[in-house]
Amino acid sequence: MINLRQRSYQKELMDGDNISFEAMAQTLKELNIINTRLGGHAITLKGVKELKGIVSPLTICEIGCGGGDNLFAIYKYCLNKNIPVSFIGIDMNDGCIAFAKQQYPQLPCQWICSDYEVMNFGENKPDIIFSSLFCHHFTDEQLITMLQWLQQNSSQGFFINDLQRHWLAYYLIKYITKFFSKSYLVKNDACLSVARSFRKKDWQQLFQQAGIGNFTINWKWAFRWLVVAENKK
């Protein structure tokens, strides 16, 4: 059985260069299915609901936005609730941005191909910034910097939707993707993402080192954490 006591830093194929648009598109489509069927989008919506307050119109930014499926899920929710909203999607992979624009032309979103770290919103900070299945791609040291950036660049606060490091999650996703995935990236990276992910104490230590105290950590099905940090008024 795999040892998951510590986070793995083994690189995922998806973090590499020279991935074809077709391979990336197939991967992003399957991630959307996983997010839909295993509750990932529902968790993202919970994060929005905890932070949205009474701000109107609302501006929501996702870093590591991938194919845009999370933003589209929020858009449908806001449309149904008559909540005026606009979006900013940031990803440094131009293939992801191209796919998102292609898939969701109706989304009121500013798509930006960039490293999130170099973004400076000035006085026009998004109300909410979030990430989904993004943090596990980074080292602990990089995550401390990310948490500080998220706090400094959001007006209401930020939230994180990411995986729990657990042996059952590792083997379940390994065999589910082995038999049902058509993406070589998903087949390789799905269980590795779990090995690179987090336990509750990891988040507690990261927030402590980042100097952020006003946050909550809640476990969600299937094997995810919803971490919400509200900026103090």
C-alpha atoms as a PDB file:
ATOM      1  CA  MET A   1       0.000   0.000   0.000  1.00  0.00           C
ATOM      2  CA  ILE A   2       1.250   3.491  -0.863  1.00  0.00           C
ATOM      3  CA  ASN A   3       2.704   5.591   1.946  1.00  0.00           C
ATOM      4  CA  LEU A   4       0.743   8.846   2.168  1.00  0.00           C
ATOM      5  CA  ARG A   5       2.133  10.156   5.444  1.00  0.00           C
ATOM      6  CA  GLN A   6       3.813  13.042   3.643  1.00  0.00           C
ATOM      7  CA  ARG A   7       2.821  14.952   0.513  1.00  0.00           C
ATOM      8  CA  SER A   8       4.375  13.659  -2.698  1.00  0.00           C
ATOM      9  CA  TYR A   9       6.244  16.139  -4.856  1.00  0.00           C
ATOM     10  CA  GLN A  10       6.352  13.877  -7.892  1.00  0.00           C
ATOM     11  CA  LYS A  11       5.533  15.983 -10.947  1.00  0.00           C
ATOM     12  CA  GLU A  12       2.252  15.467 -12.762  1.00  0.00           C
ATOM     13  CA  LEU A  13       2.261  15.095 -16.530  1.00  0.00           C
ATOM     14  CA  MET A  14      -0.238  17.954 -16.762  1.00  0.00           C
ATOM     15  CA  ASP A  15       2.404  20.319 -15.389  1.00  0.00           C
ATOM     16  CA  GLY A  16       4.706  19.564 -18.303  1.00  0.00           C
ATOM     17  CA  ASP A  17       5.221  21.374 -21.574  1.00  0.00           C
ATOM     18  CA  ASN A  18       4.268  20.361 -25.115  1.00  0.00           C
ATOM     19  CA  ILE A  19       0.837  18.925 -24.310  1.00  0.00           C
ATOM     20  CA  SER A  20      -1.299  18.977 -27.436  1.00  0.00           C
ATOM     21  CA  PHE A  21      -4.555  20.935 -27.446  1.00  0.00           C
ATOM     22  CA  GLU A  22      -6.472  17.726 -28.145  1.00  0.00           C
ATOM     23  CA  ALA A  23      -4.945  15.952 -25.131  1.00  0.00           C
ATOM     24  CA  MET A  24      -5.587  18.952 -22.895  1.00  0.00           C
ATOM     25  CA  ALA A  25      -9.182  19.305 -24.141  1.00  0.00           C
ATOM     26  CA  GLN A  26      -9.927  15.642 -23.395  1.00  0.00           C
ATOM     27  CA  THR A  27      -8.460  16.046 -19.908  1.00  0.00           C
ATOM     28  CA  LEU A  28     -10.475  19.198 -19.179  1.00  0.00           C
ATOM     29  CA  LYS A  29     -13.686  17.533 -20.351  1.00  0.00           C
ATOM     30  CA  GLU A  30     -13.077  14.612 -17.999  1.00  0.00           C
ATOM     31  CA  LEU A  31     -12.246  16.918 -15.089  1.00  0.00           C
ATOM     32  CA  ASN A  32     -15.593  18.617 -15.646  1.00  0.00           C
ATOM     33  CA  ILE A  33     -17.326  15.225 -15.456  1.00  0.00           C
ATOM     34  CA  ILE A  34     -15.427  14.373 -12.261  1.00  0.00           C
ATOM     35  CA  ASN A  35     -16.315  17.746 -10.721  1.00  0.00           C
ATOM     36  CA  THR A  36     -19.960  17.297 -11.661  1.00  0.00           C
ATOM     37  CA  ARG A  37     -20.468  13.688 -10.587  1.00  0.00           C
ATOM     38  CA  LEU A  38     -18.271  13.652  -7.481  1.00  0.00           C
ATOM     39  CA  GLY A  39     -19.529  16.946  -6.082  1.00  0.00           C
ATOM     40  CA  GLY A  40     -16.638  19.266  -6.902  1.00  0.00           C
ATOM     41  CA  HIS A  41     -18.877  21.962  -8.351  1.00  0.00           C
ATOM     42  CA  ALA A  42     -21.241  21.718  -5.381  1.00  0.00           C
ATOM     43  CA  ILE A  43     -18.304  22.353  -3.043  1.00  0.00           C
ATOM     44  CA  THR A  44     -17.246  25.379  -5.084  1.00  0.00           C
ATOM     45  CA  LEU A  45     -20.768  26.784  -4.793  1.00  0.00           C
ATOM     46  CA  LYS A  46     -20.645  26.304  -1.008  1.00  0.00           C
ATOM     47  CA  GLY A  47     -17.481  28.417  -0.930  1.00  0.00           C
ATOM     48  CA  VAL A  48     -19.157  31.190  -2.920  1.00  0.00           C
ATOM     49  CA  LYS A  49     -22.223  31.143  -0.671  1.00  0.00           C
ATOM     50  CA  GLU A  50     -20.087  31.492   2.449  1.00  0.00           C
ATOM     51  CA  LEU A  51     -18.322  34.601   1.137  1.00  0.00           C
ATOM     52  CA  LYS A  52     -20.647  36.429  -1.239  1.00  0.00           C
ATOM     53  CA  GLY A  53     -22.379  38.557   1.406  1.00  0.00           C
ATOM     54  CA  ILE A  54     -24.533  41.355  -0.004  1.00  0.00           C
ATOM     55  CA  VAL A  55     -22.077  42.637  -2.611  1.00  0.00           C
ATOM     56  CA  SER A  56     -23.735  43.452  -5.937  1.00  0.00           C
ATOM     57  CA  PRO A  57     -22.592  43.135  -8.606  1.00  0.00           C
ATOM     58  CA  LEU A  58     -20.207  40.369  -7.587  1.00  0.00           C
ATOM     59  CA  THR A  59     -16.774  39.770  -9.123  1.00  0.00           C
ATOM     60  CA  ILE A  60     -15.311  36.284  -8.754  1.00  0.00           C
ATOM     61  CA  CYS A  61     -11.810  35.257  -9.832  1.00  0.00           C
ATOM     62  CA  GLU A  62     -10.447  31.735 -10.200  1.00  0.00           C
ATOM     63  CA  ILE A  63      -6.722  31.114 -10.340  1.00  0.00           C
ATOM     64  CA  GLY A  64      -5.734  27.969 -12.213  1.00  0.00           C
ATOM     65  CA  CYS A  65      -9.130  28.124 -13.909  1.00  0.00           C
ATOM     66  CA  GLY A  66      -8.388  25.292 -16.348  1.00  0.00           C
ATOM     67  CA  GLY A  67     -11.254  24.790 -18.761  1.00  0.00           C
ATOM     68  CA  GLY A  68     -13.616  27.176 -16.960  1.00  0.00           C
ATOM     69  CA  ASP A  69     -16.133  24.581 -15.726  1.00  0.00           C
ATOM     70  CA  ASN A  70     -16.065  25.883 -12.143  1.00  0.00           C
ATOM     71  CA  LEU A  71     -16.809  29.427 -13.266  1.00  0.00           C
ATOM     72  CA  PHE A  72     -19.625  28.195 -15.491  1.00  0.00           C
ATOM     73  CA  ALA A  73     -21.170  26.290 -12.562  1.00  0.00           C
ATOM     74  CA  ILE A  74     -21.126  29.498 -10.497  1.00  0.00           C
ATOM     75  CA  TYR A  75     -22.566  31.462 -13.432  1.00  0.00           C
ATOM     76  CA  LYS A  76     -25.538  29.096 -13.715  1.00  0.00           C
ATOM     77  CA  TYR A  77     -26.179  29.378  -9.970  1.00  0.00           C
ATOM     78  CA  CYS A  78     -26.018  33.191 -10.040  1.00  0.00           C
ATOM     79  CA  LEU A  79     -28.238  33.322 -13.120  1.00  0.00           C
ATOM     80  CA  ASN A  80     -30.847  31.198 -11.351  1.00  0.00           C
ATOM     81  CA  LYS A  81     -30.687  33.411  -8.244  1.00  0.00           C
ATOM     82  CA  ASN A  82     -30.653  36.705 -10.213  1.00  0.00           C
ATOM     83  CA  ILE A  83     -27.242  37.624  -8.786  1.00  0.00           C
ATOM     84  CA  PRO A  84     -25.316  40.051 -11.041  1.00  0.00           C
ATOM     85  CA  VAL A  85     -21.846  38.591 -11.463  1.00  0.00           C
ATOM     86  CA  SER A  86     -18.723  38.860 -13.590  1.00  0.00           C
ATOM     87  CA  PHE A  87     -15.678  36.627 -13.651  1.00  0.00           C
ATOM     88  CA  ILE A  88     -11.923  36.609 -14.085  1.00  0.00           C
ATOM     89  CA  GLY A  89     -10.295  33.340 -15.115  1.00  0.00           C
ATOM     90  CA  ILE A  90      -6.515  33.091 -14.792  1.00  0.00           C
ATOM     91  CA  ASP A  91      -4.401  30.213 -16.061  1.00  0.00           C
ATOM     92  CA  MET A  92      -0.856  30.205 -17.364  1.00  0.00           C
ATOM     93  CA  ASN A  93      -1.632  27.429 -19.859  1.00  0.00           C
ATOM     94  CA  ASP A  94      -2.787  29.002 -23.108  1.00  0.00           C
ATOM     95  CA  GLY A  95      -4.460  25.729 -24.135  1.00  0.00           C
ATOM     96  CA  CYS A  96      -6.709  25.884 -21.063  1.00  0.00           C
ATOM     97  CA  ILE A  97      -7.676  29.485 -21.785  1.00  0.00           C
ATOM     98  CA  ALA A  98      -8.399  28.687 -25.441  1.00  0.00           C
ATOM     99  CA  PHE A  99     -10.562  25.715 -24.421  1.00  0.00           C
ATOM    100  CA  ALA A 100     -12.480  27.780 -21.844  1.00  0.00           C
ATOM    101  CA  LYS A 101     -13.232  30.516 -24.384  1.00  0.00           C
ATOM    102  CA  GLN A 102     -14.403  27.874 -26.847  1.00  0.00           C
ATOM    103  CA  GLN A 103     -16.616  26.044 -24.355  1.00  0.00           C
ATOM    104  CA  TYR A 104     -18.235  28.995 -22.593  1.00  0.00           C
ATOM    105  CA  PRO A 105     -18.619  31.959 -24.973  1.00  0.00           C
ATOM    106  CA  GLN A 106     -21.678  33.144 -23.028  1.00  0.00           C
ATOM    107  CA  LEU A 107     -19.743  33.505 -19.776  1.00  0.00           C
ATOM    108  CA  PRO A 108     -19.141  37.168 -18.735  1.00  0.00           C
ATOM    109  CA  CYS A 109     -15.486  36.475 -18.064  1.00  0.00           C
ATOM    110  CA  GLN A 110     -12.151  38.155 -18.594  1.00  0.00           C
ATOM    111  CA  TRP A 111      -9.843  35.294 -19.520  1.00  0.00           C
ATOM    112  CA  ILE A 112      -6.189  35.933 -18.684  1.00  0.00           C
ATOM    113  CA  CYS A 113      -3.258  33.716 -19.692  1.00  0.00           C
ATOM    114  CA  SER A 114      -0.750  34.469 -16.959  1.00  0.00           C
ATOM    115  CA  ASP A 115       0.922  33.283 -13.788  1.00  0.00           C
ATOM    116  CA  TYR A 116      -1.434  34.401 -11.030  1.00  0.00           C
ATOM    117  CA  GLU A 117       1.481  35.792  -8.981  1.00  0.00           C
ATOM    118  CA  VAL A 118       2.179  38.642 -11.403  1.00  0.00           C
ATOM    119  CA  MET A 119      -1.432  39.853 -11.401  1.00  0.00           C
ATOM    120  CA  ASN A 120      -2.063  43.208  -9.754  1.00  0.00           C
ATOM    121  CA  PHE A 121      -5.700  44.251  -9.519  1.00  0.00           C
ATOM    122  CA  GLY A 122      -4.944  47.604  -7.940  1.00  0.00           C
ATOM    123  CA  GLU A 123      -8.106  49.140  -6.490  1.00  0.00           C
ATOM    124  CA  ASN A 124     -10.341  46.761  -8.485  1.00  0.00           C
ATOM    125  CA  LYS A 125      -9.859  43.662  -6.365  1.00  0.00           C
ATOM    126  CA  PRO A 126     -12.245  40.762  -7.033  1.00  0.00           C
ATOM    127  CA  ASP A 127     -14.737  40.211  -4.229  1.00  0.00           C
ATOM    128  CA  ILE A 128     -13.877  36.510  -4.073  1.00  0.00           C
ATOM    129  CA  ILE A 129     -10.854  34.602  -5.346  1.00  0.00           C
ATOM    130  CA  PHE A 130     -10.785  30.813  -5.314  1.00  0.00           C
ATOM    131  CA  SER A 131      -8.960  27.786  -6.634  1.00  0.00           C
ATOM    132  CA  SER A 132     -10.157  24.256  -7.291  1.00  0.00           C
ATOM    133  CA  LEU A 133      -7.801  21.277  -7.652  1.00  0.00           C
ATOM    134  CA  PHE A 134      -4.969  23.777  -8.068  1.00  0.00           C
ATOM    135  CA  CYS A 135      -3.103  23.987  -4.775  1.00  0.00           C
ATOM    136  CA  HIS A 136      -1.820  20.414  -4.830  1.00  0.00           C
ATOM    137  CA  HIS A 137       0.378  21.341  -7.814  1.00  0.00           C
ATOM    138  CA  PHE A 138       2.552  23.501  -5.529  1.00  0.00           C
ATOM    139  CA  THR A 139       5.119  22.982  -2.782  1.00  0.00           C
ATOM    140  CA  ASP A 140       4.359  24.030   0.778  1.00  0.00           C
ATOM    141  CA  GLU A 141       6.665  27.025   0.405  1.00  0.00           C
ATOM    142  CA  GLN A 142       4.846  28.149  -2.741  1.00  0.00           C
ATOM    143  CA  LEU A 143       1.490  27.668  -1.027  1.00  0.00           C
ATOM    144  CA  ILE A 144       2.398  29.994   1.831  1.00  0.00           C
ATOM    145  CA  THR A 145       3.070  32.726  -0.727  1.00  0.00           C
ATOM    146  CA  MET A 146      -0.163  31.837  -2.539  1.00  0.00           C
ATOM    147  CA  LEU A 147      -2.276  32.103   0.611  1.00  0.00           C
ATOM    148  CA  GLN A 148      -0.847  35.548   1.322  1.00  0.00           C
ATOM    149  CA  TRP A 149      -1.520  36.632  -2.271  1.00  0.00           C
ATOM    150  CA  LEU A 150      -5.101  35.362  -2.082  1.00  0.00           C
ATOM    151  CA  GLN A 151      -5.742  37.351   1.083  1.00  0.00           C
ATOM    152  CA  GLN A 152      -4.123  40.524  -0.218  1.00  0.00           C
ATOM    153  CA  ASN A 153      -5.903  40.485  -3.580  1.00  0.00           C
ATOM    154  CA  SER A 154      -9.489  39.657  -2.553  1.00  0.00           C
ATOM    155  CA  SER A 155     -11.871  42.119  -0.911  1.00  0.00           C
ATOM    156  CA  GLN A 156     -14.327  39.664   0.698  1.00  0.00           C
ATOM    157  CA  GLY A 157     -12.033  36.667   1.058  1.00  0.00           C
ATOM    158  CA  PHE A 158     -10.964  33.480  -0.662  1.00  0.00           C
ATOM    159  CA  PHE A 159     -11.622  29.776  -0.640  1.00  0.00           C
ATOM    160  CA  ILE A 160      -9.866  26.604  -1.733  1.00  0.00           C
ATOM    161  CA  ASN A 161     -11.456  23.397  -2.986  1.00  0.00           C
ATOM    162  CA  ASP A 162      -8.895  20.612  -3.055  1.00  0.00           C
ATOM    163  CA  LEU A 163      -8.300  16.938  -2.395  1.00  0.00           C
ATOM    164  CA  GLN A 164      -7.839  14.980   0.813  1.00  0.00           C
ATOM    165  CA  ARG A 165      -4.753  12.775   0.985  1.00  0.00           C
ATOM    166  CA  HIS A 166      -6.272   9.414   1.855  1.00  0.00           C
ATOM    167  CA  TRP A 167      -5.461   5.861   0.779  1.00  0.00           C
ATOM    168  CA  LEU A 168      -9.051   5.060  -0.186  1.00  0.00           C
ATOM    169  CA  ALA A 169      -9.304   8.160  -2.391  1.00  0.00           C
ATOM    170  CA  TYR A 170      -5.977   7.199  -4.006  1.00  0.00           C
ATOM    171  CA  TYR A 171      -7.017   3.696  -5.001  1.00  0.00           C
ATOM    172  CA  LEU A 172     -10.597   4.555  -5.928  1.00  0.00           C
ATOM    173  CA  ILE A 173      -9.577   7.236  -8.414  1.00  0.00           C
ATOM    174  CA  LYS A 174      -6.709   5.098  -9.688  1.00  0.00           C
ATOM    175  CA  TYR A 175      -9.019   2.291 -10.774  1.00  0.00           C
ATOM    176  CA  ILE A 176     -11.941   4.487 -11.835  1.00  0.00           C
ATOM    177  CA  THR A 177      -9.716   6.380 -14.252  1.00  0.00           C
ATOM    178  CA  LYS A 178      -7.934   3.211 -15.375  1.00  0.00           C
ATOM    179  CA  PHE A 179     -11.177   1.777 -16.724  1.00  0.00           C
ATOM    180  CA  PHE A 180     -13.177   4.859 -17.702  1.00  0.00           C
ATOM    181  CA  SER A 181     -10.750   7.612 -18.687  1.00  0.00           C
ATOM    182  CA  LYS A 182      -9.652   8.206 -22.271  1.00  0.00           C
ATOM    183  CA  SER A 183      -7.015  10.746 -21.229  1.00  0.00           C
ATOM    184  CA  TYR A 184      -3.463   9.575 -20.624  1.00  0.00           C
ATOM    185  CA  LEU A 185      -3.010  12.677 -18.448  1.00  0.00           C
ATOM    186  CA  VAL A 186      -5.943  11.795 -16.192  1.00  0.00           C
ATOM    187  CA  LYS A 187      -4.899   8.139 -15.958  1.00  0.00           C
ATOM    188  CA  ASN A 188      -1.427   9.139 -14.790  1.00  0.00           C
ATOM    189  CA  ASP A 189      -2.215  12.217 -12.720  1.00  0.00           C
ATOM    190  CA  ALA A 190      -5.488  11.420 -10.909  1.00  0.00           C
ATOM    191  CA  CYS A 191      -4.053   9.247  -8.131  1.00  0.00           C
ATOM    192  CA  LEU A 192      -0.846  11.292  -8.086  1.00  0.00           C
ATOM    193  CA  SER A 193      -2.971  14.363  -7.361  1.00  0.00           C
ATOM    194  CA  VAL A 194      -4.248  12.601  -4.242  1.00  0.00           C
ATOM    195  CA  ALA A 195      -0.686  11.785  -3.166  1.00  0.00           C
ATOM    196  CA  ARG A 196       0.230  15.451  -3.599  1.00  0.00           C
ATOM    197  CA  SER A 197      -2.805  16.692  -1.678  1.00  0.00           C
ATOM    198  CA  PHE A 198      -3.577  17.533   1.940  1.00  0.00           C
ATOM    199  CA  ARG A 199      -4.631  16.478   5.375  1.00  0.00           C
ATOM    200  CA  LYS A 200      -6.289  18.901   7.768  1.00  0.00           C
ATOM    201  CA  LYS A 201      -3.113  19.487   9.756  1.00  0.00           C
ATOM    202  CA  ASP A 202      -1.326  20.474   6.526  1.00  0.00           C
ATOM    203  CA  TRP A 203      -3.778  23.332   5.984  1.00  0.00           C
ATOM    204  CA  GLN A 204      -3.560  24.390   9.621  1.00  0.00           C
ATOM    205  CA  GLN A 205       0.227  24.603   9.418  1.00  0.00           C
ATOM    206  CA  LEU A 206       0.194  26.422   6.054  1.00  0.00           C
ATOM    207  CA  PHE A 207      -2.225  29.086   7.279  1.00  0.00           C
ATOM    208  CA  GLN A 208      -0.243  29.525  10.481  1.00  0.00           C
ATOM    209  CA  GLN A 209       2.969  30.015   8.497  1.00  0.00           C
ATOM    210  CA  ALA A 210       1.171  32.440   6.159  1.00  0.00           C
ATOM    211  CA  GLY A 211       0.022  34.490   9.147  1.00  0.00           C
ATOM    212  CA  ILE A 212      -3.685  34.065   8.370  1.00  0.00           C
ATOM    213  CA  GLY A 213      -5.950  33.258  11.301  1.00  0.00           C
ATOM    214  CA  ASN A 214      -9.525  33.781  10.152  1.00  0.00           C
ATOM    215  CA  PHE A 215     -10.312  30.558   8.272  1.00  0.00           C
ATOM    216  CA  THR A 216     -12.362  27.370   8.413  1.00  0.00           C
ATOM    217  CA  ILE A 217     -11.577  23.876   7.124  1.00  0.00           C
ATOM    218  CA  ASN A 218     -14.405  21.481   6.352  1.00  0.00           C
ATOM    219  CA  TRP A 219     -14.286  17.967   4.896  1.00  0.00           C
ATOM    220  CA  LYS A 220     -16.589  17.343   1.943  1.00  0.00           C
ATOM    221  CA  TRP A 221     -17.532  14.288  -0.077  1.00  0.00           C
ATOM    222  CA  ALA A 222     -15.817  12.897  -2.084  1.00  0.00           C
ATOM    223  CA  PHE A 223     -12.503  13.251  -0.227  1.00  0.00           C
ATOM    224  CA  ARG A 224     -12.188  17.024  -0.496  1.00  0.00           C
ATOM    225  CA  TRP A 225     -11.465  19.996   1.707  1.00  0.00           C
ATOM    226  CA  LEU A 226     -13.273  23.309   1.530  1.00  0.00           C
ATOM    227  CA  VAL A 227     -11.039  25.939   3.116  1.00  0.00           C
ATOM    228  CA  VAL A 228     -12.616  29.385   3.485  1.00  0.00           C
ATOM    229  CA  ALA A 229     -10.818  32.529   4.641  1.00  0.00           C
ATOM    230  CA  GLU A 230     -12.880  35.669   5.192  1.00  0.00           C
ATOM    231  CA  ASN A 231     -11.056  38.971   5.234  1.00  0.00           C
ATOM    232  CA  LYS A 232     -11.545  40.918   8.444  1.00  0.00           C
ATOM    233  CA  LYS A 233     -13.592  44.078   7.996  1.00  0.00           C
END
